[in-house]
Amino acid sequence: MPSWPSELPQYVLVDGYQEAPPELLAETEMDAGPPASRRRFTVGETTIACRLAITTAEKAAFEAFFRDTLKGGAIPFDWVHPVSRAPVSMQLRRPRYTPEPGGATFILALELRVQPA
């Protein structure tokens, strides 16, 4: 399995970091009263939204990694969890770039799906 490239930043920015636990429940609407809930799955994907500050050279390296190595996000990769720093496998969805003033750096926004262990 591929790994996050060493030439890219290894830490995400605190600003904009969001983490959501897996959605494990199934809900059924009732004729009256609150919906009935039950556990549907025992494990699921944790979703992380995060941002990295990158240079134009790092942007090119990331684009090659995403396009060629990950086949546009179809292949999972190994990295470390941004907070716990524990090794995890994850998939990458919808990367977005925002140029910083001056145009020499970018903010790379990522949506990561941490795979269950």
PDB file of N, CA and C in Angstrom:
ATOM      1  N   MET A   1       0.850  -1.166   0.000  1.00  0.00           N
ATOM      2  CA  MET A   1       0.000   0.000   0.000  1.00  0.00           C
ATOM      3  C   MET A   1       0.902   1.239   0.000  1.00  0.00           C
ATOM      4  N   PRO A   2       0.550   2.256  -0.795  1.00  0.00           N
ATOM      5  CA  PRO A   2       1.384   3.464  -0.809  1.00  0.00           C
ATOM      6  C   PRO A   2       1.315   4.216   0.521  1.00  0.00           C
ATOM      7  N   SER A   3       2.306   5.046   0.757  1.00  0.00           N
ATOM      8  CA  SER A   3       2.367   5.883   1.954  1.00  0.00           C
ATOM      9  C   SER A   3       2.347   7.347   1.556  1.00  0.00           C
ATOM     10  N   TRP A   4       1.937   8.183   2.502  1.00  0.00           N
ATOM     11  CA  TRP A   4       1.954   9.631   2.292  1.00  0.00           C
ATOM     12  C   TRP A   4       3.396  10.041   1.967  1.00  0.00           C
ATOM     13  N   PRO A   5       3.602  10.817   0.905  1.00  0.00           N
ATOM     14  CA  PRO A   5       4.969  11.162   0.490  1.00  0.00           C
ATOM     15  C   PRO A   5       5.725  11.972   1.540  1.00  0.00           C
ATOM     16  N   SER A   6       6.998  11.645   1.712  1.00  0.00           N
ATOM     17  CA  SER A   6       7.836  12.341   2.693  1.00  0.00           C
ATOM     18  C   SER A   6       8.114  13.780   2.273  1.00  0.00           C
ATOM     19  N   GLU A   7       8.005  14.101   0.966  1.00  0.00           N
ATOM     20  CA  GLU A   7       8.259  15.465   0.518  1.00  0.00           C
ATOM     21  C   GLU A   7       7.076  16.410   0.760  1.00  0.00           C
ATOM     22  N   LEU A   8       5.963  15.873   1.261  1.00  0.00           N
ATOM     23  CA  LEU A   8       4.804  16.705   1.606  1.00  0.00           C
ATOM     24  C   LEU A   8       4.777  16.953   3.110  1.00  0.00           C
ATOM     25  N   PRO A   9       4.089  18.022   3.555  1.00  0.00           N
ATOM     26  CA  PRO A   9       4.008  18.289   4.999  1.00  0.00           C
ATOM     27  C   PRO A   9       3.449  17.077   5.746  1.00  0.00           C
ATOM     28  N   GLN A  10       3.994  16.837   6.932  1.00  0.00           N
ATOM     29  CA  GLN A  10       3.595  15.689   7.745  1.00  0.00           C
ATOM     30  C   GLN A  10       2.596  16.061   8.836  1.00  0.00           C
ATOM     31  N   TYR A  11       2.322  17.352   8.991  1.00  0.00           N
ATOM     32  CA  TYR A  11       1.388  17.825  10.011  1.00  0.00           C
ATOM     33  C   TYR A  11       0.341  18.707   9.362  1.00  0.00           C
ATOM     34  N   VAL A  12      -0.905  18.575   9.824  1.00  0.00           N
ATOM     35  CA  VAL A  12      -1.997  19.406   9.309  1.00  0.00           C
ATOM     36  C   VAL A  12      -2.118  20.670  10.160  1.00  0.00           C
ATOM     37  N   LEU A  13      -2.794  21.662   9.617  1.00  0.00           N
ATOM     38  CA  LEU A  13      -3.039  22.898  10.349  1.00  0.00           C
ATOM     39  C   LEU A  13      -4.143  22.685  11.377  1.00  0.00           C
ATOM     40  N   VAL A  14      -4.028  23.320  12.510  1.00  0.00           N
ATOM     41  CA  VAL A  14      -5.067  23.235  13.541  1.00  0.00           C
ATOM     42  C   VAL A  14      -6.338  23.922  13.043  1.00  0.00           C
ATOM     43  N   ASP A  15      -6.151  25.059  12.383  1.00  0.00           N
ATOM     44  CA  ASP A  15      -7.284  25.826  11.854  1.00  0.00           C
ATOM     45  C   ASP A  15      -8.026  24.995  10.804  1.00  0.00           C
ATOM     46  N   GLY A  16      -9.295  24.777  11.004  1.00  0.00           N
ATOM     47  CA  GLY A  16     -10.116  24.049  10.046  1.00  0.00           C
ATOM     48  C   GLY A  16     -10.184  22.550  10.257  1.00  0.00           C
ATOM     49  N   TYR A  17      -9.494  22.025  11.275  1.00  0.00           N
ATOM     50  CA  TYR A  17      -9.512  20.581  11.516  1.00  0.00           C
ATOM     51  C   TYR A  17     -10.874  20.164  12.070  1.00  0.00           C
ATOM     52  N   GLN A  18     -11.448  19.131  11.472  1.00  0.00           N
ATOM     53  CA  GLN A  18     -12.706  18.563  11.956  1.00  0.00           C
ATOM     54  C   GLN A  18     -12.624  17.045  11.843  1.00  0.00           C
ATOM     55  N   GLU A  19     -13.174  16.360  12.835  1.00  0.00           N
ATOM     56  CA  GLU A  19     -13.189  14.901  12.824  1.00  0.00           C
ATOM     57  C   GLU A  19     -14.571  14.427  13.223  1.00  0.00           C
ATOM     58  N   ALA A  20     -15.115  13.482  12.460  1.00  0.00           N
ATOM     59  CA  ALA A  20     -16.451  12.945  12.739  1.00  0.00           C
ATOM     60  C   ALA A  20     -16.353  11.437  12.919  1.00  0.00           C
ATOM     61  N   PRO A  21     -16.940  10.907  13.995  1.00  0.00           N
ATOM     62  CA  PRO A  21     -16.908   9.462  14.200  1.00  0.00           C
ATOM     63  C   PRO A  21     -17.762   8.745  13.153  1.00  0.00           C
ATOM     64  N   PRO A  22     -17.590   7.436  13.023  1.00  0.00           N
ATOM     65  CA  PRO A  22     -18.379   6.681  12.041  1.00  0.00           C
ATOM     66  C   PRO A  22     -19.871   6.729  12.354  1.00  0.00           C
ATOM     67  N   GLU A  23     -20.673   6.691  11.306  1.00  0.00           N
ATOM     68  CA  GLU A  23     -22.131   6.618  11.451  1.00  0.00           C
ATOM     69  C   GLU A  23     -22.496   5.137  11.477  1.00  0.00           C
ATOM     70  N   LEU A  24     -22.890   4.638  12.653  1.00  0.00           N
ATOM     71  CA  LEU A  24     -23.129   3.204  12.835  1.00  0.00           C
ATOM     72  C   LEU A  24     -24.596   2.848  13.029  1.00  0.00           C
ATOM     73  N   LEU A  25     -25.479   3.843  13.070  1.00  0.00           N
ATOM     74  CA  LEU A  25     -26.881   3.599  13.373  1.00  0.00           C
ATOM     75  C   LEU A  25     -27.754   3.574  12.133  1.00  0.00           C
ATOM     76  N   ALA A  26     -28.854   2.850  12.240  1.00  0.00           N
ATOM     77  CA  ALA A  26     -29.930   2.889  11.260  1.00  0.00           C
ATOM     78  C   ALA A  26     -31.155   3.413  11.990  1.00  0.00           C
ATOM     79  N   GLU A  27     -31.864   4.342  11.386  1.00  0.00           N
ATOM     80  CA  GLU A  27     -33.063   4.897  12.008  1.00  0.00           C
ATOM     81  C   GLU A  27     -34.277   4.619  11.123  1.00  0.00           C
ATOM     82  N   THR A  28     -35.384   4.346  11.784  1.00  0.00           N
ATOM     83  CA  THR A  28     -36.645   4.104  11.096  1.00  0.00           C
ATOM     84  C   THR A  28     -37.671   5.081  11.633  1.00  0.00           C
ATOM     85  N   GLU A  29     -38.311   5.819  10.726  1.00  0.00           N
ATOM     86  CA  GLU A  29     -39.371   6.747  11.125  1.00  0.00           C
ATOM     87  C   GLU A  29     -40.591   5.949  11.581  1.00  0.00           C
ATOM     88  N   MET A  30     -41.208   6.403  12.637  1.00  0.00           N
ATOM     89  CA  MET A  30     -42.391   5.749  13.177  1.00  0.00           C
ATOM     90  C   MET A  30     -43.617   6.592  12.832  1.00  0.00           C
ATOM     91  N   ASP A  31     -44.819   5.997  12.901  1.00  0.00           N
ATOM     92  CA  ASP A  31     -46.049   6.741  12.646  1.00  0.00           C
ATOM     93  C   ASP A  31     -46.235   7.845  13.676  1.00  0.00           C
ATOM     94  N   ALA A  32     -45.814   7.579  14.898  1.00  0.00           N
ATOM     95  CA  ALA A  32     -45.919   8.568  15.972  1.00  0.00           C
ATOM     96  C   ALA A  32     -44.691   8.414  16.871  1.00  0.00           C
ATOM     97  N   GLY A  33     -44.250   9.523  17.415  1.00  0.00           N
ATOM     98  CA  GLY A  33     -43.124   9.496  18.330  1.00  0.00           C
ATOM     99  C   GLY A  33     -41.789   9.589  17.609  1.00  0.00           C
ATOM    100  N   PRO A  34     -40.725   9.467  18.388  1.00  0.00           N
ATOM    101  CA  PRO A  34     -39.379   9.600  17.813  1.00  0.00           C
ATOM    102  C   PRO A  34     -39.023   8.397  16.939  1.00  0.00           C
ATOM    103  N   PRO A  35     -38.061   8.562  16.056  1.00  0.00           N
ATOM    104  CA  PRO A  35     -37.628   7.428  15.229  1.00  0.00           C
ATOM    105  C   PRO A  35     -37.008   6.330  16.086  1.00  0.00           C
ATOM    106  N   ALA A  36     -37.140   5.097  15.606  1.00  0.00           N
ATOM    107  CA  ALA A  36     -36.501   3.959  16.268  1.00  0.00           C
ATOM    108  C   ALA A  36     -35.075   3.847  15.727  1.00  0.00           C
ATOM    109  N   SER A  37     -34.115   3.613  16.618  1.00  0.00           N
ATOM    110  CA  SER A  37     -32.711   3.489  16.224  1.00  0.00           C
ATOM    111  C   SER A  37     -32.186   2.124  16.603  1.00  0.00           C
ATOM    112  N   ARG A  38     -31.270   1.655  15.784  1.00  0.00           N
ATOM    113  CA  ARG A  38     -30.573   0.413  16.112  1.00  0.00           C
ATOM    114  C   ARG A  38     -29.173   0.493  15.524  1.00  0.00           C
ATOM    115  N   ARG A  39     -28.295  -0.275  16.086  1.00  0.00           N
ATOM    116  CA  ARG A  39     -26.925  -0.324  15.575  1.00  0.00           C
ATOM    117  C   ARG A  39     -26.924  -1.161  14.302  1.00  0.00           C
ATOM    118  N   ARG A  40     -26.425  -0.578  13.222  1.00  0.00           N
ATOM    119  CA  ARG A  40     -26.403  -1.257  11.937  1.00  0.00           C
ATOM    120  C   ARG A  40     -25.043  -1.885  11.645  1.00  0.00           C
ATOM    121  N   PHE A  41     -23.978  -1.211  12.057  1.00  0.00           N
ATOM    122  CA  PHE A  41     -22.619  -1.689  11.812  1.00  0.00           C
ATOM    123  C   PHE A  41     -21.842  -1.701  13.123  1.00  0.00           C
ATOM    124  N   THR A  42     -20.782  -2.505  13.193  1.00  0.00           N
ATOM    125  CA  THR A  42     -19.925  -2.505  14.375  1.00  0.00           C
ATOM    126  C   THR A  42     -18.691  -1.632  14.178  1.00  0.00           C
ATOM    127  N   VAL A  43     -18.305  -1.379  12.924  1.00  0.00           N
ATOM    128  CA  VAL A  43     -17.181  -0.496  12.619  1.00  0.00           C
ATOM    129  C   VAL A  43     -17.537   0.364  11.407  1.00  0.00           C
ATOM    130  N   GLY A  44     -16.841   1.457  11.264  1.00  0.00           N
ATOM    131  CA  GLY A  44     -17.066   2.334  10.123  1.00  0.00           C
ATOM    132  C   GLY A  44     -15.887   3.275   9.950  1.00  0.00           C
ATOM    133  N   GLU A  45     -15.991   4.140   8.961  1.00  0.00           N
ATOM    134  CA  GLU A  45     -14.925   5.088   8.656  1.00  0.00           C
ATOM    135  C   GLU A  45     -15.078   6.368   9.460  1.00  0.00           C
ATOM    136  N   THR A  46     -13.988   6.821  10.052  1.00  0.00           N
ATOM    137  CA  THR A  46     -13.937   8.140  10.663  1.00  0.00           C
ATOM    138  C   THR A  46     -13.587   9.126   9.559  1.00  0.00           C
ATOM    139  N   THR A  47     -14.296  10.250   9.500  1.00  0.00           N
ATOM    140  CA  THR A  47     -14.045  11.257   8.474  1.00  0.00           C
ATOM    141  C   THR A  47     -13.290  12.427   9.084  1.00  0.00           C
ATOM    142  N   ILE A  48     -12.230  12.854   8.410  1.00  0.00           N
ATOM    143  CA  ILE A  48     -11.422  13.984   8.866  1.00  0.00           C
ATOM    144  C   ILE A  48     -11.359  15.021   7.759  1.00  0.00           C
ATOM    145  N   ALA A  49     -11.667  16.254   8.102  1.00  0.00           N
ATOM    146  CA  ALA A  49     -11.450  17.388   7.201  1.00  0.00           C
ATOM    147  C   ALA A  49     -10.275  18.165   7.773  1.00  0.00           C
ATOM    148  N   CYS A  50      -9.266  18.397   6.940  1.00  0.00           N
ATOM    149  CA  CYS A  50      -8.079  19.096   7.422  1.00  0.00           C
ATOM    150  C   CYS A  50      -7.451  19.907   6.296  1.00  0.00           C
ATOM    151  N   ARG A  51      -6.484  20.732   6.684  1.00  0.00           N
ATOM    152  CA  ARG A  51      -5.810  21.603   5.726  1.00  0.00           C
ATOM    153  C   ARG A  51      -4.307  21.547   5.958  1.00  0.00           C
ATOM    154  N   LEU A  52      -3.552  21.724   4.880  1.00  0.00           N
ATOM    155  CA  LEU A  52      -2.098  21.791   4.941  1.00  0.00           C
ATOM    156  C   LEU A  52      -1.640  23.021   4.167  1.00  0.00           C
ATOM    157  N   ALA A  53      -0.584  23.646   4.630  1.00  0.00           N
ATOM    158  CA  ALA A  53       0.043  24.746   3.895  1.00  0.00           C
ATOM    159  C   ALA A  53       1.127  24.133   3.008  1.00  0.00           C
ATOM    160  N   ILE A  54       1.047  24.393   1.694  1.00  0.00           N
ATOM    161  CA  ILE A  54       1.997  23.794   0.759  1.00  0.00           C
ATOM    162  C   ILE A  54       2.564  24.840  -0.200  1.00  0.00           C
ATOM    163  N   THR A  55       3.746  24.551  -0.722  1.00  0.00           N
ATOM    164  CA  THR A  55       4.379  25.405  -1.726  1.00  0.00           C
ATOM    165  C   THR A  55       3.921  24.940  -3.119  1.00  0.00           C
ATOM    166  N   THR A  56       4.312  25.673  -4.138  1.00  0.00           N
ATOM    167  CA  THR A  56       3.961  25.266  -5.502  1.00  0.00           C
ATOM    168  C   THR A  56       4.622  23.930  -5.864  1.00  0.00           C
ATOM    169  N   ALA A  57       5.849  23.692  -5.400  1.00  0.00           N
ATOM    170  CA  ALA A  57       6.520  22.412  -5.657  1.00  0.00           C
ATOM    171  C   ALA A  57       5.787  21.272  -4.940  1.00  0.00           C
ATOM    172  N   GLU A  58       5.356  21.507  -3.705  1.00  0.00           N
ATOM    173  CA  GLU A  58       4.604  20.488  -2.967  1.00  0.00           C
ATOM    174  C   GLU A  58       3.243  20.243  -3.609  1.00  0.00           C
ATOM    175  N   LYS A  59       2.649  21.281  -4.172  1.00  0.00           N
ATOM    176  CA  LYS A  59       1.377  21.127  -4.892  1.00  0.00           C
ATOM    177  C   LYS A  59       1.551  20.181  -6.061  1.00  0.00           C
ATOM    178  N   ALA A  60       2.619  20.347  -6.834  1.00  0.00           N
ATOM    179  CA  ALA A  60       2.885  19.455  -7.962  1.00  0.00           C
ATOM    180  C   ALA A  60       3.120  18.022  -7.485  1.00  0.00           C
ATOM    181  N   ALA A  61       3.857  17.852  -6.388  1.00  0.00           N
ATOM    182  CA  ALA A  61       4.108  16.516  -5.837  1.00  0.00           C
ATOM    183  C   ALA A  61       2.805  15.877  -5.362  1.00  0.00           C
ATOM    184  N   PHE A  62       1.953  16.667  -4.716  1.00  0.00           N
ATOM    185  CA  PHE A  62       0.671  16.131  -4.249  1.00  0.00           C
ATOM    186  C   PHE A  62      -0.196  15.723  -5.433  1.00  0.00           C
ATOM    187  N   GLU A  63      -0.266  16.566  -6.449  1.00  0.00           N
ATOM    188  CA  GLU A  63      -1.099  16.250  -7.619  1.00  0.00           C
ATOM    189  C   GLU A  63      -0.654  14.943  -8.278  1.00  0.00           C
ATOM    190  N   ALA A  64       0.656  14.721  -8.386  1.00  0.00           N
ATOM    191  CA  ALA A  64       1.157  13.471  -8.953  1.00  0.00           C
ATOM    192  C   ALA A  64       0.802  12.282  -8.053  1.00  0.00           C
ATOM    193  N   PHE A  65       0.942  12.443  -6.744  1.00  0.00           N
ATOM    194  CA  PHE A  65       0.589  11.392  -5.790  1.00  0.00           C
ATOM    195  C   PHE A  65      -0.892  11.038  -5.905  1.00  0.00           C
ATOM    196  N   PHE A  66      -1.750  12.047  -5.923  1.00  0.00           N
ATOM    197  CA  PHE A  66      -3.197  11.820  -5.988  1.00  0.00           C
ATOM    198  C   PHE A  66      -3.595  11.199  -7.329  1.00  0.00           C
ATOM    199  N   ARG A  67      -3.111  11.771  -8.408  1.00  0.00           N
ATOM    200  CA  ARG A  67      -3.509  11.337  -9.751  1.00  0.00           C
ATOM    201  C   ARG A  67      -2.926   9.966 -10.107  1.00  0.00           C
ATOM    202  N   ASP A  68      -1.615   9.792  -9.897  1.00  0.00           N
ATOM    203  CA  ASP A  68      -0.939   8.588 -10.376  1.00  0.00           C
ATOM    204  C   ASP A  68      -0.898   7.463  -9.342  1.00  0.00           C
ATOM    205  N   THR A  69      -0.426   7.780  -8.139  1.00  0.00           N
ATOM    206  CA  THR A  69      -0.266   6.736  -7.118  1.00  0.00           C
ATOM    207  C   THR A  69      -1.608   6.287  -6.557  1.00  0.00           C
ATOM    208  N   LEU A  70      -2.478   7.254  -6.219  1.00  0.00           N
ATOM    209  CA  LEU A  70      -3.772   6.910  -5.615  1.00  0.00           C
ATOM    210  C   LEU A  70      -4.886   6.729  -6.642  1.00  0.00           C
ATOM    211  N   LYS A  71      -4.552   6.889  -7.924  1.00  0.00           N
ATOM    212  CA  LYS A  71      -5.539   6.737  -9.001  1.00  0.00           C
ATOM    213  C   LYS A  71      -6.773   7.601  -8.754  1.00  0.00           C
ATOM    214  N   GLY A  72      -6.534   8.862  -8.403  1.00  0.00           N
ATOM    215  CA  GLY A  72      -7.630   9.805  -8.177  1.00  0.00           C
ATOM    216  C   GLY A  72      -8.392   9.569  -6.890  1.00  0.00           C
ATOM    217  N   GLY A  73      -7.802   8.872  -5.953  1.00  0.00           N
ATOM    218  CA  GLY A  73      -8.446   8.606  -4.663  1.00  0.00           C
ATOM    219  C   GLY A  73      -9.011   7.208  -4.537  1.00  0.00           C
ATOM    220  N   ALA A  74      -8.865   6.373  -5.571  1.00  0.00           N
ATOM    221  CA  ALA A  74      -9.422   5.018  -5.541  1.00  0.00           C
ATOM    222  C   ALA A  74      -8.633   4.074  -4.641  1.00  0.00           C
ATOM    223  N   ILE A  75      -7.346   4.363  -4.442  1.00  0.00           N
ATOM    224  CA  ILE A  75      -6.480   3.474  -3.663  1.00  0.00           C
ATOM    225  C   ILE A  75      -6.215   4.091  -2.289  1.00  0.00           C
ATOM    226  N   PRO A  76      -6.382   3.325  -1.202  1.00  0.00           N
ATOM    227  CA  PRO A  76      -6.038   3.846   0.129  1.00  0.00           C
ATOM    228  C   PRO A  76      -4.528   3.968   0.291  1.00  0.00           C
ATOM    229  N   PHE A  77      -4.131   4.714   1.298  1.00  0.00           N
ATOM    230  CA  PHE A  77      -2.703   4.898   1.583  1.00  0.00           C
ATOM    231  C   PHE A  77      -2.490   4.910   3.085  1.00  0.00           C
ATOM    232  N   ASP A  78      -1.247   4.716   3.490  1.00  0.00           N
ATOM    233  CA  ASP A  78      -0.872   4.727   4.904  1.00  0.00           C
ATOM    234  C   ASP A  78      -0.323   6.102   5.273  1.00  0.00           C
ATOM    235  N   TRP A  79      -0.703   6.571   6.433  1.00  0.00           N
ATOM    236  CA  TRP A  79      -0.183   7.821   6.982  1.00  0.00           C
ATOM    237  C   TRP A  79      -0.336   7.698   8.492  1.00  0.00           C
ATOM    238  N   VAL A  80      -0.238   8.794   9.214  1.00  0.00           N
ATOM    239  CA  VAL A  80      -0.505   8.797  10.647  1.00  0.00           C
ATOM    240  C   VAL A  80      -1.739   9.650  10.899  1.00  0.00           C
ATOM    241  N   HIS A  81      -2.481   9.281  11.940  1.00  0.00           N
ATOM    242  CA  HIS A  81      -3.645  10.072  12.315  1.00  0.00           C
ATOM    243  C   HIS A  81      -3.156  11.466  12.701  1.00  0.00           C
ATOM    244  N   PRO A  82      -3.803  12.523  12.200  1.00  0.00           N
ATOM    245  CA  PRO A  82      -3.313  13.885  12.456  1.00  0.00           C
ATOM    246  C   PRO A  82      -3.229  14.279  13.934  1.00  0.00           C
ATOM    247  N   VAL A  83      -4.026  13.677  14.788  1.00  0.00           N
ATOM    248  CA  VAL A  83      -4.007  14.035  16.213  1.00  0.00           C
ATOM    249  C   VAL A  83      -3.232  13.006  17.035  1.00  0.00           C
ATOM    250  N   SER A  84      -3.608  11.746  16.930  1.00  0.00           N
ATOM    251  CA  SER A  84      -2.982  10.712  17.765  1.00  0.00           C
ATOM    252  C   SER A  84      -1.603  10.307  17.253  1.00  0.00           C
ATOM    253  N   ARG A  85      -1.319  10.555  15.982  1.00  0.00           N
ATOM    254  CA  ARG A  85      -0.071  10.180  15.309  1.00  0.00           C
ATOM    255  C   ARG A  85       0.093   8.656  15.210  1.00  0.00           C
ATOM    256  N   ALA A  86      -0.993   7.909  15.428  1.00  0.00           N
ATOM    257  CA  ALA A  86      -0.970   6.451  15.260  1.00  0.00           C
ATOM    258  C   ALA A  86      -1.038   6.128  13.769  1.00  0.00           C
ATOM    259  N   PRO A  87      -0.353   5.072  13.310  1.00  0.00           N
ATOM    260  CA  PRO A  87      -0.427   4.711  11.901  1.00  0.00           C
ATOM    261  C   PRO A  87      -1.837   4.254  11.530  1.00  0.00           C
ATOM    262  N   VAL A  88      -2.343   4.739  10.409  1.00  0.00           N
ATOM    263  CA  VAL A  88      -3.678   4.374   9.921  1.00  0.00           C
ATOM    264  C   VAL A  88      -3.646   4.270   8.399  1.00  0.00           C
ATOM    265  N   SER A  89      -4.631   3.572   7.868  1.00  0.00           N
ATOM    266  CA  SER A  89      -4.874   3.551   6.426  1.00  0.00           C
ATOM    267  C   SER A  89      -6.072   4.442   6.173  1.00  0.00           C
ATOM    268  N   MET A  90      -6.019   5.200   5.075  1.00  0.00           N
ATOM    269  CA  MET A  90      -7.100   6.126   4.781  1.00  0.00           C
ATOM    270  C   MET A  90      -7.256   6.297   3.286  1.00  0.00           C
ATOM    271  N   GLN A  91      -8.402   6.849   2.908  1.00  0.00           N
ATOM    272  CA  GLN A  91      -8.641   7.229   1.527  1.00  0.00           C
ATOM    273  C   GLN A  91      -8.837   8.731   1.477  1.00  0.00           C
ATOM    274  N   LEU A  92      -8.524   9.285   0.332  1.00  0.00           N
ATOM    275  CA  LEU A  92      -8.545  10.721   0.136  1.00  0.00           C
ATOM    276  C   LEU A  92      -9.664  11.069  -0.834  1.00  0.00           C
ATOM    277  N   ARG A  93     -10.470  12.064  -0.461  1.00  0.00           N
ATOM    278  CA  ARG A  93     -11.570  12.520  -1.311  1.00  0.00           C
ATOM    279  C   ARG A  93     -11.495  14.027  -1.498  1.00  0.00           C
ATOM    280  N   ARG A  94     -11.836  14.480  -2.661  1.00  0.00           N
ATOM    281  CA  ARG A  94     -12.043  15.894  -2.990  1.00  0.00           C
ATOM    282  C   ARG A  94     -10.984  16.870  -2.487  1.00  0.00           C
ATOM    283  N   PRO A  95      -9.739  16.740  -2.903  1.00  0.00           N
ATOM    284  CA  PRO A  95      -8.758  17.763  -2.504  1.00  0.00           C
ATOM    285  C   PRO A  95      -9.087  19.100  -3.173  1.00  0.00           C
ATOM    286  N   ARG A  96      -8.823  20.185  -2.460  1.00  0.00           N
ATOM    287  CA  ARG A  96      -9.086  21.541  -2.980  1.00  0.00           C
ATOM    288  C   ARG A  96      -7.919  22.439  -2.613  1.00  0.00           C
ATOM    289  N   TYR A  97      -7.575  23.346  -3.515  1.00  0.00           N
ATOM    290  CA  TYR A  97      -6.464  24.274  -3.318  1.00  0.00           C
ATOM    291  C   TYR A  97      -7.006  25.698  -3.234  1.00  0.00           C
ATOM    292  N   THR A  98      -6.471  26.471  -2.306  1.00  0.00           N
ATOM    293  CA  THR A  98      -6.765  27.896  -2.210  1.00  0.00           C
ATOM    294  C   THR A  98      -5.431  28.631  -2.203  1.00  0.00           C
ATOM    295  N   PRO A  99      -5.204  29.531  -3.174  1.00  0.00           N
ATOM    296  CA  PRO A  99      -3.923  30.251  -3.177  1.00  0.00           C
ATOM    297  C   PRO A  99      -3.855  31.244  -2.026  1.00  0.00           C
ATOM    298  N   GLU A 100      -2.691  31.363  -1.454  1.00  0.00           N
ATOM    299  CA  GLU A 100      -2.423  32.357  -0.418  1.00  0.00           C
ATOM    300  C   GLU A 100      -2.020  33.670  -1.102  1.00  0.00           C
ATOM    301  N   PRO A 101      -2.150  34.796  -0.428  1.00  0.00           N
ATOM    302  CA  PRO A 101      -1.714  36.059  -1.031  1.00  0.00           C
ATOM    303  C   PRO A 101      -0.259  35.970  -1.496  1.00  0.00           C
ATOM    304  N   GLY A 102      -0.003  36.446  -2.684  1.00  0.00           N
ATOM    305  CA  GLY A 102       1.335  36.380  -3.261  1.00  0.00           C
ATOM    306  C   GLY A 102       1.483  35.250  -4.259  1.00  0.00           C
ATOM    307  N   GLY A 103       0.653  34.200  -4.135  1.00  0.00           N
ATOM    308  CA  GLY A 103       0.623  33.120  -5.108  1.00  0.00           C
ATOM    309  C   GLY A 103       1.706  32.065  -4.999  1.00  0.00           C
ATOM    310  N   ALA A 104       2.632  32.167  -4.041  1.00  0.00           N
ATOM    311  CA  ALA A 104       3.716  31.183  -3.936  1.00  0.00           C
ATOM    312  C   ALA A 104       3.339  29.991  -3.063  1.00  0.00           C
ATOM    313  N   THR A 105       2.285  30.121  -2.266  1.00  0.00           N
ATOM    314  CA  THR A 105       1.861  29.032  -1.396  1.00  0.00           C
ATOM    315  C   THR A 105       0.353  28.820  -1.544  1.00  0.00           C
ATOM    316  N   PHE A 106      -0.077  27.643  -1.117  1.00  0.00           N
ATOM    317  CA  PHE A 106      -1.482  27.260  -1.205  1.00  0.00           C
ATOM    318  C   PHE A 106      -1.914  26.637   0.113  1.00  0.00           C
ATOM    319  N   ILE A 107      -3.215  26.651   0.344  1.00  0.00           N
ATOM    320  CA  ILE A 107      -3.812  25.851   1.404  1.00  0.00           C
ATOM    321  C   ILE A 107      -4.479  24.674   0.712  1.00  0.00           C
ATOM    322  N   LEU A 108      -4.060  23.465   1.070  1.00  0.00           N
ATOM    323  CA  LEU A 108      -4.620  22.243   0.520  1.00  0.00           C
ATOM    324  C   LEU A 108      -5.633  21.694   1.515  1.00  0.00           C
ATOM    325  N   ALA A 109      -6.895  21.648   1.114  1.00  0.00           N
ATOM    326  CA  ALA A 109      -7.959  21.111   1.964  1.00  0.00           C
ATOM    327  C   ALA A 109      -8.211  19.668   1.564  1.00  0.00           C
ATOM    328  N   LEU A 110      -8.232  18.787   2.560  1.00  0.00           N
ATOM    329  CA  LEU A 110      -8.418  17.356   2.323  1.00  0.00           C
ATOM    330  C   LEU A 110      -9.612  16.824   3.083  1.00  0.00           C
ATOM    331  N   GLU A 111     -10.278  15.844   2.489  1.00  0.00           N
ATOM    332  CA  GLU A 111     -11.268  15.048   3.195  1.00  0.00           C
ATOM    333  C   GLU A 111     -10.696  13.638   3.249  1.00  0.00           C
ATOM    334  N   LEU A 112     -10.408  13.165   4.447  1.00  0.00           N
ATOM    335  CA  LEU A 112      -9.792  11.857   4.659  1.00  0.00           C
ATOM    336  C   LEU A 112     -10.810  10.910   5.280  1.00  0.00           C
ATOM    337  N   ARG A 113     -10.811   9.687   4.825  1.00  0.00           N
ATOM    338  CA  ARG A 113     -11.662   8.643   5.406  1.00  0.00           C
ATOM    339  C   ARG A 113     -10.749   7.592   6.014  1.00  0.00           C
ATOM    340  N   VAL A 114     -10.683   7.589   7.337  1.00  0.00           N
ATOM    341  CA  VAL A 114      -9.827   6.630   8.044  1.00  0.00           C
ATOM    342  C   VAL A 114     -10.515   5.270   8.034  1.00  0.00           C
ATOM    343  N   GLN A 115      -9.794   4.279   7.502  1.00  0.00           N
ATOM    344  CA  GLN A 115     -10.344   2.933   7.376  1.00  0.00           C
ATOM    345  C   GLN A 115     -10.340   2.234   8.741  1.00  0.00           C
ATOM    346  N   PRO A 116     -11.380   1.439   9.021  1.00  0.00           N
ATOM    347  CA  PRO A 116     -11.391   0.711  10.288  1.00  0.00           C
ATOM    348  C   PRO A 116     -10.233  -0.282  10.364  1.00  0.00           C
ATOM    349  N   ALA A 117      -9.698  -0.436  11.562  1.00  0.00           N
ATOM    350  CA  ALA A 117      -8.552  -1.349  11.758  1.00  0.00           C
ATOM    351  C   ALA A 117      -8.988  -2.795  11.748  1.00  0.00           C
TER     352      ALA A 117
END
